[in-house]
Amino acid sequence: MAEEIKANVKLNLEGLMCPMPVVRISKAIKDAAVGAVIEATATDPGVLIDIPAWARTTGNEVIKIEREGKIVHFFVRRLK
């Protein structure tokens, strides 16, 4: 049985195009405590590549990312 991911912050990034989803998640991570999880939804398919690349370069962790139709749903944990 899959464990449910508990988010500390939820963001709706739907309708925003590159680079705004990354800008918004970056700001939210800076405002979150270390260990906090941010859950977000977006409609820009570019986030499938952009969010994992951003997480690697900033030292954060993409816990889960999936696409269902036009919606991309992802969870990011602040590591530092």
PDB file of N, CA and C in Angstrom:
ATOM      1  N   MET A   1       0.842  -1.185   0.000  1.00  0.00           N
ATOM      2  CA  MET A   1       0.000   0.000   0.000  1.00  0.00           C
ATOM      3  C   MET A   1       0.884   1.244   0.000  1.00  0.00           C
ATOM      4  N   ALA A   2       0.599   2.165  -0.905  1.00  0.00           N
ATOM      5  CA  ALA A   2       1.404   3.379  -1.035  1.00  0.00           C
ATOM      6  C   ALA A   2       1.123   4.337   0.112  1.00  0.00           C
ATOM      7  N   GLU A   3       2.183   4.949   0.587  1.00  0.00           N
ATOM      8  CA  GLU A   3       2.050   5.919   1.672  1.00  0.00           C
ATOM      9  C   GLU A   3       1.644   7.276   1.089  1.00  0.00           C
ATOM     10  N   GLU A   4       0.691   7.920   1.712  1.00  0.00           N
ATOM     11  CA  GLU A   4       0.249   9.234   1.258  1.00  0.00           C
ATOM     12  C   GLU A   4       1.289  10.277   1.646  1.00  0.00           C
ATOM     13  N   ILE A   5       1.578  11.169   0.719  1.00  0.00           N
ATOM     14  CA  ILE A   5       2.550  12.231   0.974  1.00  0.00           C
ATOM     15  C   ILE A   5       1.806  13.405   1.609  1.00  0.00           C
ATOM     16  N   LYS A   6       2.297  13.857   2.742  1.00  0.00           N
ATOM     17  CA  LYS A   6       1.686  14.993   3.445  1.00  0.00           C
ATOM     18  C   LYS A   6       2.389  16.280   3.037  1.00  0.00           C
ATOM     19  N   ALA A   7       1.646  17.210   2.471  1.00  0.00           N
ATOM     20  CA  ALA A   7       2.206  18.486   2.026  1.00  0.00           C
ATOM     21  C   ALA A   7       2.004  19.557   3.093  1.00  0.00           C
ATOM     22  N   ASN A   8       3.022  20.386   3.279  1.00  0.00           N
ATOM     23  CA  ASN A   8       2.923  21.527   4.179  1.00  0.00           C
ATOM     24  C   ASN A   8       2.340  22.743   3.461  1.00  0.00           C
ATOM     25  N   VAL A   9       2.587  22.806   2.148  1.00  0.00           N
ATOM     26  CA  VAL A   9       2.140  23.931   1.324  1.00  0.00           C
ATOM     27  C   VAL A   9       1.594  23.364   0.020  1.00  0.00           C
ATOM     28  N   LYS A  10       0.499  23.952  -0.462  1.00  0.00           N
ATOM     29  CA  LYS A  10      -0.060  23.549  -1.757  1.00  0.00           C
ATOM     30  C   LYS A  10      -0.068  24.757  -2.684  1.00  0.00           C
ATOM     31  N   LEU A  11       0.388  24.540  -3.919  1.00  0.00           N
ATOM     32  CA  LEU A  11       0.425  25.605  -4.917  1.00  0.00           C
ATOM     33  C   LEU A  11      -0.358  25.191  -6.154  1.00  0.00           C
ATOM     34  N   ASN A  12      -1.134  26.126  -6.686  1.00  0.00           N
ATOM     35  CA  ASN A  12      -1.808  25.913  -7.963  1.00  0.00           C
ATOM     36  C   ASN A  12      -1.068  26.759  -8.988  1.00  0.00           C
ATOM     37  N   LEU A  13      -0.304  26.101  -9.852  1.00  0.00           N
ATOM     38  CA  LEU A  13       0.484  26.787 -10.876  1.00  0.00           C
ATOM     39  C   LEU A  13      -0.144  26.613 -12.253  1.00  0.00           C
ATOM     40  N   GLU A  14      -1.381  26.167 -12.270  1.00  0.00           N
ATOM     41  CA  GLU A  14      -2.073  25.907 -13.535  1.00  0.00           C
ATOM     42  C   GLU A  14      -2.275  27.207 -14.309  1.00  0.00           C
ATOM     43  N   GLY A  15      -2.017  27.148 -15.610  1.00  0.00           N
ATOM     44  CA  GLY A  15      -2.152  28.310 -16.479  1.00  0.00           C
ATOM     45  C   GLY A  15      -0.886  29.142 -16.586  1.00  0.00           C
ATOM     46  N   LEU A  16       0.097  28.878 -15.739  1.00  0.00           N
ATOM     47  CA  LEU A  16       1.361  29.611 -15.794  1.00  0.00           C
ATOM     48  C   LEU A  16       2.324  28.912 -16.749  1.00  0.00           C
ATOM     49  N   MET A  17       3.028  29.695 -17.552  1.00  0.00           N
ATOM     50  CA  MET A  17       3.987  29.139 -18.489  1.00  0.00           C
ATOM     51  C   MET A  17       5.400  29.445 -18.013  1.00  0.00           C
ATOM     52  N   CYS A  18       6.348  28.704 -18.549  1.00  0.00           N
ATOM     53  CA  CYS A  18       7.762  28.847 -18.220  1.00  0.00           C
ATOM     54  C   CYS A  18       8.176  30.314 -18.344  1.00  0.00           C
ATOM     55  N   PRO A  19       8.868  30.848 -17.386  1.00  0.00           N
ATOM     56  CA  PRO A  19       9.515  30.217 -16.248  1.00  0.00           C
ATOM     57  C   PRO A  19       8.733  30.336 -14.939  1.00  0.00           C
ATOM     58  N   MET A  20       7.490  30.788 -14.986  1.00  0.00           N
ATOM     59  CA  MET A  20       6.758  31.117 -13.767  1.00  0.00           C
ATOM     60  C   MET A  20       6.548  29.944 -12.793  1.00  0.00           C
ATOM     61  N   PRO A  21       6.264  28.717 -13.245  1.00  0.00           N
ATOM     62  CA  PRO A  21       6.146  27.636 -12.260  1.00  0.00           C
ATOM     63  C   PRO A  21       7.419  27.449 -11.433  1.00  0.00           C
ATOM     64  N   VAL A  22       8.581  27.538 -12.071  1.00  0.00           N
ATOM     65  CA  VAL A  22       9.846  27.394 -11.348  1.00  0.00           C
ATOM     66  C   VAL A  22      10.064  28.594 -10.419  1.00  0.00           C
ATOM     67  N   VAL A  23       9.737  29.779 -10.871  1.00  0.00           N
ATOM     68  CA  VAL A  23       9.870  30.977 -10.033  1.00  0.00           C
ATOM     69  C   VAL A  23       9.004  30.841  -8.788  1.00  0.00           C
ATOM     70  N   ARG A  24       7.767  30.399  -8.952  1.00  0.00           N
ATOM     71  CA  ARG A  24       6.839  30.279  -7.812  1.00  0.00           C
ATOM     72  C   ARG A  24       7.260  29.174  -6.840  1.00  0.00           C
ATOM     73  N   ILE A  25       7.697  28.017  -7.362  1.00  0.00           N
ATOM     74  CA  ILE A  25       8.118  26.937  -6.466  1.00  0.00           C
ATOM     75  C   ILE A  25       9.397  27.339  -5.739  1.00  0.00           C
ATOM     76  N   SER A  26      10.266  28.069  -6.415  1.00  0.00           N
ATOM     77  CA  SER A  26      11.506  28.538  -5.795  1.00  0.00           C
ATOM     78  C   SER A  26      11.210  29.476  -4.624  1.00  0.00           C
ATOM     79  N   LYS A  27      10.274  30.389  -4.812  1.00  0.00           N
ATOM     80  CA  LYS A  27       9.893  31.310  -3.730  1.00  0.00           C
ATOM     81  C   LYS A  27       9.255  30.542  -2.575  1.00  0.00           C
ATOM     82  N   ALA A  28       8.380  29.594  -2.900  1.00  0.00           N
ATOM     83  CA  ALA A  28       7.705  28.815  -1.855  1.00  0.00           C
ATOM     84  C   ALA A  28       8.707  27.993  -1.045  1.00  0.00           C
ATOM     85  N   ILE A  29       9.713  27.430  -1.698  1.00  0.00           N
ATOM     86  CA  ILE A  29      10.741  26.642  -0.997  1.00  0.00           C
ATOM     87  C   ILE A  29      11.527  27.535  -0.044  1.00  0.00           C
ATOM     88  N   LYS A  30      11.856  28.739  -0.488  1.00  0.00           N
ATOM     89  CA  LYS A  30      12.619  29.663   0.369  1.00  0.00           C
ATOM     90  C   LYS A  30      11.834  30.054   1.613  1.00  0.00           C
ATOM     91  N   ASP A  31      10.506  30.099   1.488  1.00  0.00           N
ATOM     92  CA  ASP A  31       9.646  30.473   2.612  1.00  0.00           C
ATOM     93  C   ASP A  31       9.315  29.279   3.516  1.00  0.00           C
ATOM     94  N   ALA A  32       9.631  28.061   3.062  1.00  0.00           N
ATOM     95  CA  ALA A  32       9.297  26.841   3.816  1.00  0.00           C
ATOM     96  C   ALA A  32      10.458  26.424   4.720  1.00  0.00           C
ATOM     97  N   ALA A  33      10.117  25.700   5.768  1.00  0.00           N
ATOM     98  CA  ALA A  33      11.139  25.167   6.680  1.00  0.00           C
ATOM     99  C   ALA A  33      11.851  23.990   6.016  1.00  0.00           C
ATOM    100  N   VAL A  34      13.076  23.739   6.449  1.00  0.00           N
ATOM    101  CA  VAL A  34      13.809  22.572   5.969  1.00  0.00           C
ATOM    102  C   VAL A  34      12.997  21.328   6.320  1.00  0.00           C
ATOM    103  N   GLY A  35      12.822  20.441   5.358  1.00  0.00           N
ATOM    104  CA  GLY A  35      12.031  19.231   5.550  1.00  0.00           C
ATOM    105  C   GLY A  35      10.588  19.372   5.094  1.00  0.00           C
ATOM    106  N   ALA A  36      10.140  20.591   4.852  1.00  0.00           N
ATOM    107  CA  ALA A  36       8.764  20.818   4.416  1.00  0.00           C
ATOM    108  C   ALA A  36       8.553  20.275   3.004  1.00  0.00           C
ATOM    109  N   VAL A  37       7.319  19.889   2.723  1.00  0.00           N
ATOM    110  CA  VAL A  37       6.951  19.361   1.414  1.00  0.00           C
ATOM    111  C   VAL A  37       5.961  20.317   0.759  1.00  0.00           C
ATOM    112  N   ILE A  38       6.228  20.632  -0.502  1.00  0.00           N
ATOM    113  CA  ILE A  38       5.337  21.481  -1.287  1.00  0.00           C
ATOM    114  C   ILE A  38       4.682  20.609  -2.350  1.00  0.00           C
ATOM    115  N   GLU A  39       3.373  20.693  -2.410  1.00  0.00           N
ATOM    116  CA  GLU A  39       2.594  19.979  -3.420  1.00  0.00           C
ATOM    117  C   GLU A  39       2.120  21.019  -4.430  1.00  0.00           C
ATOM    118  N   ALA A  40       2.258  20.718  -5.711  1.00  0.00           N
ATOM    119  CA  ALA A  40       1.849  21.682  -6.726  1.00  0.00           C
ATOM    120  C   ALA A  40       1.221  20.989  -7.920  1.00  0.00           C
ATOM    121  N   THR A  41       0.355  21.737  -8.605  1.00  0.00           N
ATOM    122  CA  THR A  41      -0.201  21.293  -9.874  1.00  0.00           C
ATOM    123  C   THR A  41       0.115  22.360 -10.912  1.00  0.00           C
ATOM    124  N   ALA A  42       0.385  21.915 -12.130  1.00  0.00           N
ATOM    125  CA  ALA A  42       0.713  22.839 -13.218  1.00  0.00           C
ATOM    126  C   ALA A  42       0.165  22.269 -14.523  1.00  0.00           C
ATOM    127  N   THR A  43      -0.006  23.147 -15.506  1.00  0.00           N
ATOM    128  CA  THR A  43      -0.469  22.706 -16.819  1.00  0.00           C
ATOM    129  C   THR A  43       0.618  22.844 -17.879  1.00  0.00           C
ATOM    130  N   ASP A  44       1.720  23.498 -17.565  1.00  0.00           N
ATOM    131  CA  ASP A  44       2.828  23.633 -18.503  1.00  0.00           C
ATOM    132  C   ASP A  44       3.603  22.311 -18.515  1.00  0.00           C
ATOM    133  N   PRO A  45       3.597  21.565 -19.642  1.00  0.00           N
ATOM    134  CA  PRO A  45       4.300  20.286 -19.667  1.00  0.00           C
ATOM    135  C   PRO A  45       5.810  20.422 -19.456  1.00  0.00           C
ATOM    136  N   GLY A  46       6.338  21.622 -19.606  1.00  0.00           N
ATOM    137  CA  GLY A  46       7.756  21.862 -19.376  1.00  0.00           C
ATOM    138  C   GLY A  46       8.192  21.595 -17.949  1.00  0.00           C
ATOM    139  N   VAL A  47       7.253  21.621 -16.989  1.00  0.00           N
ATOM    140  CA  VAL A  47       7.631  21.367 -15.591  1.00  0.00           C
ATOM    141  C   VAL A  47       8.113  19.934 -15.388  1.00  0.00           C
ATOM    142  N   LEU A  48       7.737  19.026 -16.277  1.00  0.00           N
ATOM    143  CA  LEU A  48       8.213  17.643 -16.175  1.00  0.00           C
ATOM    144  C   LEU A  48       9.740  17.580 -16.263  1.00  0.00           C
ATOM    145  N   ILE A  49      10.336  18.501 -16.980  1.00  0.00           N
ATOM    146  CA  ILE A  49      11.794  18.593 -17.101  1.00  0.00           C
ATOM    147  C   ILE A  49      12.340  19.677 -16.183  1.00  0.00           C
ATOM    148  N   ASP A  50      11.657  20.822 -16.152  1.00  0.00           N
ATOM    149  CA  ASP A  50      12.168  21.983 -15.414  1.00  0.00           C
ATOM    150  C   ASP A  50      12.229  21.765 -13.903  1.00  0.00           C
ATOM    151  N   ILE A  51      11.215  21.173 -13.306  1.00  0.00           N
ATOM    152  CA  ILE A  51      11.191  21.013 -11.850  1.00  0.00           C
ATOM    153  C   ILE A  51      12.280  20.049 -11.366  1.00  0.00           C
ATOM    154  N   PRO A  52      12.447  18.866 -11.981  1.00  0.00           N
ATOM    155  CA  PRO A  52      13.562  18.017 -11.548  1.00  0.00           C
ATOM    156  C   PRO A  52      14.932  18.674 -11.750  1.00  0.00           C
ATOM    157  N   ALA A  53      15.112  19.411 -12.848  1.00  0.00           N
ATOM    158  CA  ALA A  53      16.389  20.096 -13.089  1.00  0.00           C
ATOM    159  C   ALA A  53      16.615  21.183 -12.037  1.00  0.00           C
ATOM    160  N   TRP A  54      15.581  21.942 -11.727  1.00  0.00           N
ATOM    161  CA  TRP A  54      15.683  22.983 -10.691  1.00  0.00           C
ATOM    162  C   TRP A  54      16.010  22.350  -9.338  1.00  0.00           C
ATOM    163  N   ALA A  55      15.333  21.242  -9.005  1.00  0.00           N
ATOM    164  CA  ALA A  55      15.570  20.586  -7.714  1.00  0.00           C
ATOM    165  C   ALA A  55      17.021  20.117  -7.602  1.00  0.00           C
ATOM    166  N   ARG A  56      17.556  19.534  -8.659  1.00  0.00           N
ATOM    167  CA  ARG A  56      18.952  19.078  -8.634  1.00  0.00           C
ATOM    168  C   ARG A  56      19.910  20.242  -8.414  1.00  0.00           C
ATOM    169  N   THR A  57      19.686  21.344  -9.094  1.00  0.00           N
ATOM    170  CA  THR A  57      20.618  22.475  -8.987  1.00  0.00           C
ATOM    171  C   THR A  57      20.478  23.239  -7.681  1.00  0.00           C
ATOM    172  N   THR A  58      19.336  23.123  -7.011  1.00  0.00           N
ATOM    173  CA  THR A  58      19.133  23.853  -5.754  1.00  0.00           C
ATOM    174  C   THR A  58      19.279  22.967  -4.524  1.00  0.00           C
ATOM    175  N   GLY A  59      19.495  21.664  -4.729  1.00  0.00           N
ATOM    176  CA  GLY A  59      19.676  20.764  -3.595  1.00  0.00           C
ATOM    177  C   GLY A  59      18.382  20.373  -2.909  1.00  0.00           C
ATOM    178  N   ASN A  60      17.276  20.389  -3.647  1.00  0.00           N
ATOM    179  CA  ASN A  60      15.995  19.948  -3.111  1.00  0.00           C
ATOM    180  C   ASN A  60      15.627  18.606  -3.731  1.00  0.00           C
ATOM    181  N   GLU A  61      14.538  17.995  -3.275  1.00  0.00           N
ATOM    182  CA  GLU A  61      14.176  16.648  -3.707  1.00  0.00           C
ATOM    183  C   GLU A  61      12.779  16.610  -4.308  1.00  0.00           C
ATOM    184  N   VAL A  62      12.679  16.105  -5.530  1.00  0.00           N
ATOM    185  CA  VAL A  62      11.368  15.812  -6.110  1.00  0.00           C
ATOM    186  C   VAL A  62      10.968  14.440  -5.582  1.00  0.00           C
ATOM    187  N   ILE A  63       9.925  14.414  -4.767  1.00  0.00           N
ATOM    188  CA  ILE A  63       9.456  13.162  -4.177  1.00  0.00           C
ATOM    189  C   ILE A  63       8.657  12.368  -5.200  1.00  0.00           C
ATOM    190  N   LYS A  64       7.819  13.087  -5.940  1.00  0.00           N
ATOM    191  CA  LYS A  64       6.937  12.424  -6.903  1.00  0.00           C
ATOM    192  C   LYS A  64       6.535  13.446  -7.957  1.00  0.00           C
ATOM    193  N   ILE A  65       6.461  12.998  -9.198  1.00  0.00           N
ATOM    194  CA  ILE A  65       5.955  13.850 -10.275  1.00  0.00           C
ATOM    195  C   ILE A  65       5.211  12.949 -11.249  1.00  0.00           C
ATOM    196  N   GLU A  66       3.989  13.344 -11.595  1.00  0.00           N
ATOM    197  CA  GLU A  66       3.192  12.535 -12.509  1.00  0.00           C
ATOM    198  C   GLU A  66       2.285  13.432 -13.328  1.00  0.00           C
ATOM    199  N   ARG A  67       1.929  12.938 -14.491  1.00  0.00           N
ATOM    200  CA  ARG A  67       1.059  13.692 -15.384  1.00  0.00           C
ATOM    201  C   ARG A  67      -0.225  12.905 -15.589  1.00  0.00           C
ATOM    202  N   GLU A  68      -1.341  13.614 -15.453  1.00  0.00           N
ATOM    203  CA  GLU A  68      -2.645  13.013 -15.703  1.00  0.00           C
ATOM    204  C   GLU A  68      -3.397  13.965 -16.631  1.00  0.00           C
ATOM    205  N   GLY A  69      -3.474  13.601 -17.888  1.00  0.00           N
ATOM    206  CA  GLY A  69      -4.064  14.500 -18.869  1.00  0.00           C
ATOM    207  C   GLY A  69      -3.193  15.737 -19.017  1.00  0.00           C
ATOM    208  N   LYS A  70      -3.799  16.907 -18.857  1.00  0.00           N
ATOM    209  CA  LYS A  70      -3.050  18.161 -18.979  1.00  0.00           C
ATOM    210  C   LYS A  70      -2.436  18.622 -17.662  1.00  0.00           C
ATOM    211  N   ILE A  71      -2.750  17.943 -16.572  1.00  0.00           N
ATOM    212  CA  ILE A  71      -2.291  18.372 -15.248  1.00  0.00           C
ATOM    213  C   ILE A  71      -1.043  17.593 -14.826  1.00  0.00           C
ATOM    214  N   VAL A  72      -0.012  18.325 -14.421  1.00  0.00           N
ATOM    215  CA  VAL A  72       1.184  17.730 -13.840  1.00  0.00           C
ATOM    216  C   VAL A  72       1.103  17.979 -12.338  1.00  0.00           C
ATOM    217  N   HIS A  73       1.239  16.915 -11.563  1.00  0.00           N
ATOM    218  CA  HIS A  73       1.108  16.975 -10.104  1.00  0.00           C
ATOM    219  C   HIS A  73       2.456  16.558  -9.529  1.00  0.00           C
ATOM    220  N   PHE A  74       3.030  17.391  -8.669  1.00  0.00           N
ATOM    221  CA  PHE A  74       4.328  17.038  -8.123  1.00  0.00           C
ATOM    222  C   PHE A  74       4.498  17.482  -6.682  1.00  0.00           C
ATOM    223  N   PHE A  75       5.454  16.811  -5.998  1.00  0.00           N
ATOM    224  CA  PHE A  75       5.789  17.079  -4.610  1.00  0.00           C
ATOM    225  C   PHE A  75       7.290  17.321  -4.531  1.00  0.00           C
ATOM    226  N   VAL A  76       7.680  18.396  -3.845  1.00  0.00           N
ATOM    227  CA  VAL A  76       9.088  18.741  -3.673  1.00  0.00           C
ATOM    228  C   VAL A  76       9.361  18.933  -2.187  1.00  0.00           C
ATOM    229  N   ARG A  77      10.468  18.353  -1.703  1.00  0.00           N
ATOM    230  CA  ARG A  77      10.877  18.515  -0.308  1.00  0.00           C
ATOM    231  C   ARG A  77      12.093  19.436  -0.234  1.00  0.00           C
ATOM    232  N   ARG A  78      12.038  20.396   0.704  1.00  0.00           N
ATOM    233  CA  ARG A  78      13.175  21.262   0.937  1.00  0.00           C
ATOM    234  C   ARG A  78      14.210  20.492   1.779  1.00  0.00           C
ATOM    235  N   LEU A  79      15.422  20.384   1.257  1.00  0.00           N
ATOM    236  CA  LEU A  79      16.451  19.628   1.944  1.00  0.00           C
ATOM    237  C   LEU A  79      17.454  20.499   2.678  1.00  0.00           C
ATOM    238  N   LYS A  80      17.591  21.760   2.260  1.00  0.00           N
ATOM    239  CA  LYS A  80      18.547  22.619   2.960  1.00  0.00           C
ATOM    240  C   LYS A  80      18.091  24.050   2.968  1.00  0.00           C
TER     241      LYS A  80
END
